[in-house]
N, C-alpha and C. Protein backbone atom coordinates (compact mmCIF):
# COMPACT_ATOMS: atom_id res chain seq x y z
N MET A 1 116.85 20.33 -41.95
CA MET A 1 117.89 20.81 -42.83
C MET A 1 119.24 20.28 -42.31
N ASN A 2 120.04 19.73 -43.20
CA ASN A 2 121.35 19.21 -42.80
C ASN A 2 122.44 20.27 -43.06
N ILE A 3 123.65 19.94 -42.69
CA ILE A 3 124.76 20.91 -42.81
C ILE A 3 125.03 21.27 -44.27
N LYS A 4 124.90 20.30 -45.17
CA LYS A 4 125.12 20.58 -46.59
C LYS A 4 124.11 21.60 -47.10
N ASP A 5 122.84 21.44 -46.74
CA ASP A 5 121.81 22.39 -47.14
C ASP A 5 122.08 23.77 -46.55
N THR A 6 122.50 23.78 -45.30
CA THR A 6 122.80 25.05 -44.63
C THR A 6 123.93 25.77 -45.36
N LEU A 7 125.00 25.05 -45.68
CA LEU A 7 126.13 25.67 -46.37
C LEU A 7 125.74 26.14 -47.77
N ASN A 8 124.93 25.36 -48.47
CA ASN A 8 124.48 25.77 -49.80
C ASN A 8 123.65 27.05 -49.72
N ASN A 9 122.82 27.18 -48.69
CA ASN A 9 122.02 28.39 -48.52
C ASN A 9 122.89 29.58 -48.12
N TRP A 10 123.98 29.31 -47.44
CA TRP A 10 124.85 30.37 -46.94
C TRP A 10 125.88 30.81 -47.98
N LEU A 11 126.12 29.98 -48.99
CA LEU A 11 127.15 30.25 -49.97
C LEU A 11 127.01 31.61 -50.65
N PRO A 12 125.82 32.04 -51.09
CA PRO A 12 125.71 33.36 -51.72
C PRO A 12 126.15 34.50 -50.78
N THR A 13 125.83 34.39 -49.51
CA THR A 13 126.24 35.41 -48.54
C THR A 13 127.75 35.40 -48.38
N LEU A 14 128.33 34.24 -48.31
CA LEU A 14 129.78 34.11 -48.18
C LEU A 14 130.48 34.70 -49.40
N LEU A 15 129.97 34.41 -50.60
CA LEU A 15 130.55 34.97 -51.82
C LEU A 15 130.45 36.49 -51.84
N LYS A 16 129.35 37.02 -51.34
CA LYS A 16 129.19 38.49 -51.26
C LYS A 16 130.23 39.08 -50.31
N GLU A 17 130.46 38.42 -49.19
CA GLU A 17 131.48 38.88 -48.24
C GLU A 17 132.87 38.86 -48.88
N VAL A 18 133.14 37.86 -49.70
CA VAL A 18 134.42 37.80 -50.41
C VAL A 18 134.53 39.00 -51.35
N GLU A 19 133.45 39.29 -52.08
CA GLU A 19 133.44 40.45 -52.98
C GLU A 19 133.70 41.75 -52.23
N LEU A 20 133.21 41.85 -51.01
CA LEU A 20 133.41 43.05 -50.20
C LEU A 20 134.81 43.12 -49.59
N GLY A 21 135.58 42.04 -49.73
CA GLY A 21 136.95 42.05 -49.24
C GLY A 21 137.15 41.48 -47.87
N ASN A 22 136.20 40.71 -47.37
CA ASN A 22 136.31 40.13 -46.04
C ASN A 22 137.30 38.96 -46.07
N PRO A 23 138.49 39.12 -45.47
CA PRO A 23 139.49 38.05 -45.52
C PRO A 23 139.06 36.77 -44.79
N ASP A 24 138.26 36.88 -43.76
CA ASP A 24 137.78 35.67 -43.07
C ASP A 24 136.91 34.83 -44.00
N ALA A 25 136.07 35.50 -44.79
CA ALA A 25 135.22 34.80 -45.74
C ALA A 25 136.08 34.14 -46.83
N MET A 26 137.15 34.81 -47.24
CA MET A 26 138.06 34.25 -48.25
C MET A 26 138.69 32.95 -47.74
N GLY A 27 139.17 32.99 -46.51
CA GLY A 27 139.80 31.81 -45.93
C GLY A 27 138.81 30.68 -45.74
N LEU A 28 137.61 31.01 -45.29
CA LEU A 28 136.58 29.97 -45.08
C LEU A 28 136.19 29.34 -46.41
N LEU A 29 136.01 30.16 -47.42
CA LEU A 29 135.64 29.62 -48.73
C LEU A 29 136.78 28.77 -49.29
N GLY A 30 138.01 29.18 -49.08
CA GLY A 30 139.14 28.36 -49.50
C GLY A 30 139.13 27.01 -48.82
N TYR A 31 138.86 27.01 -47.54
CA TYR A 31 138.79 25.75 -46.79
C TYR A 31 137.65 24.87 -47.30
N MET A 32 136.51 25.50 -47.58
CA MET A 32 135.37 24.74 -48.08
C MET A 32 135.71 24.07 -49.41
N TYR A 33 136.36 24.81 -50.32
CA TYR A 33 136.76 24.21 -51.59
C TYR A 33 137.83 23.14 -51.41
N GLN A 34 138.75 23.37 -50.51
CA GLN A 34 139.82 22.40 -50.28
C GLN A 34 139.26 21.07 -49.76
N GLN A 35 138.28 21.17 -48.88
CA GLN A 35 137.72 19.97 -48.26
C GLN A 35 136.47 19.44 -48.97
N GLY A 36 135.91 20.22 -49.90
CA GLY A 36 134.68 19.81 -50.56
C GLY A 36 133.48 19.90 -49.64
N ILE A 37 133.45 20.93 -48.80
CA ILE A 37 132.36 21.12 -47.84
C ILE A 37 131.35 22.12 -48.42
N GLY A 38 130.20 21.63 -48.84
CA GLY A 38 129.16 22.50 -49.40
C GLY A 38 129.40 22.93 -50.83
N VAL A 39 130.56 22.60 -51.38
CA VAL A 39 130.92 22.90 -52.76
C VAL A 39 131.68 21.69 -53.31
N GLU A 40 131.82 21.63 -54.62
CA GLU A 40 132.62 20.56 -55.21
C GLU A 40 134.09 20.82 -54.87
N GLN A 41 134.78 19.78 -54.43
CA GLN A 41 136.18 19.93 -54.04
C GLN A 41 136.99 20.41 -55.23
N ASP A 42 137.79 21.47 -55.00
CA ASP A 42 138.58 22.07 -56.07
C ASP A 42 139.80 22.73 -55.45
N GLU A 43 140.92 22.06 -55.51
CA GLU A 43 142.15 22.56 -54.88
C GLU A 43 142.61 23.87 -55.51
N ALA A 44 142.45 24.02 -56.83
CA ALA A 44 142.87 25.26 -57.49
C ALA A 44 142.07 26.45 -56.97
N LYS A 45 140.74 26.29 -56.87
CA LYS A 45 139.91 27.37 -56.33
C LYS A 45 140.27 27.64 -54.87
N ALA A 46 140.52 26.59 -54.13
CA ALA A 46 140.89 26.75 -52.73
C ALA A 46 142.13 27.62 -52.62
N GLN A 47 143.13 27.33 -53.42
CA GLN A 47 144.37 28.10 -53.36
C GLN A 47 144.16 29.55 -53.80
N GLU A 48 143.25 29.78 -54.75
CA GLU A 48 142.93 31.15 -55.16
C GLU A 48 142.37 31.94 -53.98
N TYR A 49 141.44 31.33 -53.25
CA TYR A 49 140.85 32.03 -52.11
C TYR A 49 141.85 32.21 -50.97
N PHE A 50 142.72 31.22 -50.76
CA PHE A 50 143.76 31.37 -49.73
C PHE A 50 144.71 32.50 -50.10
N GLU A 51 145.03 32.63 -51.39
CA GLU A 51 145.91 33.71 -51.85
C GLU A 51 145.22 35.06 -51.66
N MET A 52 143.94 35.13 -51.98
CA MET A 52 143.18 36.37 -51.75
C MET A 52 143.23 36.75 -50.27
N GLU A 53 143.04 35.75 -49.40
CA GLU A 53 143.06 36.00 -47.97
C GLU A 53 144.42 36.54 -47.54
N ARG A 54 145.50 35.94 -48.05
CA ARG A 54 146.85 36.39 -47.68
C ARG A 54 147.10 37.82 -48.12
N ASN A 55 146.54 38.22 -49.25
CA ASN A 55 146.78 39.56 -49.81
C ASN A 55 145.79 40.62 -49.34
N ALA A 56 144.76 40.20 -48.63
CA ALA A 56 143.75 41.16 -48.16
C ALA A 56 144.34 42.01 -47.03
N PRO A 57 143.95 43.28 -46.98
CA PRO A 57 144.44 44.13 -45.88
C PRO A 57 143.90 43.63 -44.55
N PRO A 58 144.72 43.69 -43.51
CA PRO A 58 144.25 43.26 -42.19
C PRO A 58 143.18 44.20 -41.67
N PHE A 59 142.36 43.70 -40.80
CA PHE A 59 141.36 44.56 -40.17
C PHE A 59 141.11 44.09 -38.76
N ASP A 60 140.65 45.04 -37.96
CA ASP A 60 140.35 44.77 -36.56
C ASP A 60 138.94 45.28 -36.31
N LEU A 61 138.02 44.38 -36.05
CA LEU A 61 136.64 44.80 -35.84
C LEU A 61 136.48 45.67 -34.61
N ALA A 62 137.44 45.63 -33.70
CA ALA A 62 137.35 46.45 -32.49
C ALA A 62 137.86 47.86 -32.73
N ASP A 63 138.51 48.09 -33.87
CA ASP A 63 139.09 49.39 -34.18
C ASP A 63 138.00 50.29 -34.76
N ASP A 64 137.78 51.44 -34.15
CA ASP A 64 136.76 52.37 -34.63
C ASP A 64 137.21 53.13 -35.87
N ASP A 65 138.51 53.15 -36.17
CA ASP A 65 139.02 53.88 -37.31
C ASP A 65 138.91 53.01 -38.56
N THR A 66 137.93 53.30 -39.41
CA THR A 66 137.73 52.50 -40.61
C THR A 66 138.46 53.09 -41.81
N SER A 67 139.11 54.23 -41.65
CA SER A 67 139.69 54.93 -42.79
C SER A 67 140.78 54.16 -43.51
N SER A 68 141.49 53.29 -42.83
CA SER A 68 142.60 52.57 -43.46
C SER A 68 142.23 51.17 -43.91
N ASN A 69 140.99 50.79 -43.76
CA ASN A 69 140.61 49.43 -44.11
C ASN A 69 139.45 49.42 -45.09
N PRO A 70 139.69 48.99 -46.35
CA PRO A 70 138.63 49.00 -47.36
C PRO A 70 137.41 48.17 -46.98
N TRP A 71 137.63 46.99 -46.38
CA TRP A 71 136.50 46.16 -46.00
C TRP A 71 135.64 46.87 -44.96
N MET A 72 136.30 47.48 -43.98
CA MET A 72 135.56 48.18 -42.94
C MET A 72 134.86 49.41 -43.50
N GLN A 73 135.46 50.09 -44.48
CA GLN A 73 134.81 51.24 -45.09
C GLN A 73 133.52 50.84 -45.77
N LYS A 74 133.51 49.71 -46.44
CA LYS A 74 132.32 49.25 -47.16
C LYS A 74 131.25 48.75 -46.20
N ASN A 75 131.64 48.28 -45.02
CA ASN A 75 130.72 47.62 -44.12
C ASN A 75 130.48 48.36 -42.82
N ALA A 76 131.01 49.56 -42.72
CA ALA A 76 130.86 50.34 -41.48
C ALA A 76 129.38 50.67 -41.25
N VAL A 77 128.98 50.60 -40.03
CA VAL A 77 127.60 50.91 -39.65
C VAL A 77 127.63 52.06 -38.65
N GLU A 78 126.84 53.06 -38.92
CA GLU A 78 126.75 54.19 -38.00
C GLU A 78 125.94 53.77 -36.77
N VAL A 79 126.45 54.09 -35.60
CA VAL A 79 125.73 53.81 -34.36
C VAL A 79 125.46 55.07 -33.59
């Protein structure tokens, strides 16, 4: 399997992360569209994802308080 196949297989997971509000996924997807990595190059889509990333609430995975972060609320795991 080459990198293109890997990215194509990973794309649905990345899109789901974007739906959940993960700003890192938004930025990565923007970069992928900007560069045409695993997707057809599309500068307009890239800028949409970069804008989403800029507007997403910040989060800290090391912070145990998920109450102020929507992404963390949706993805919190009880331990």
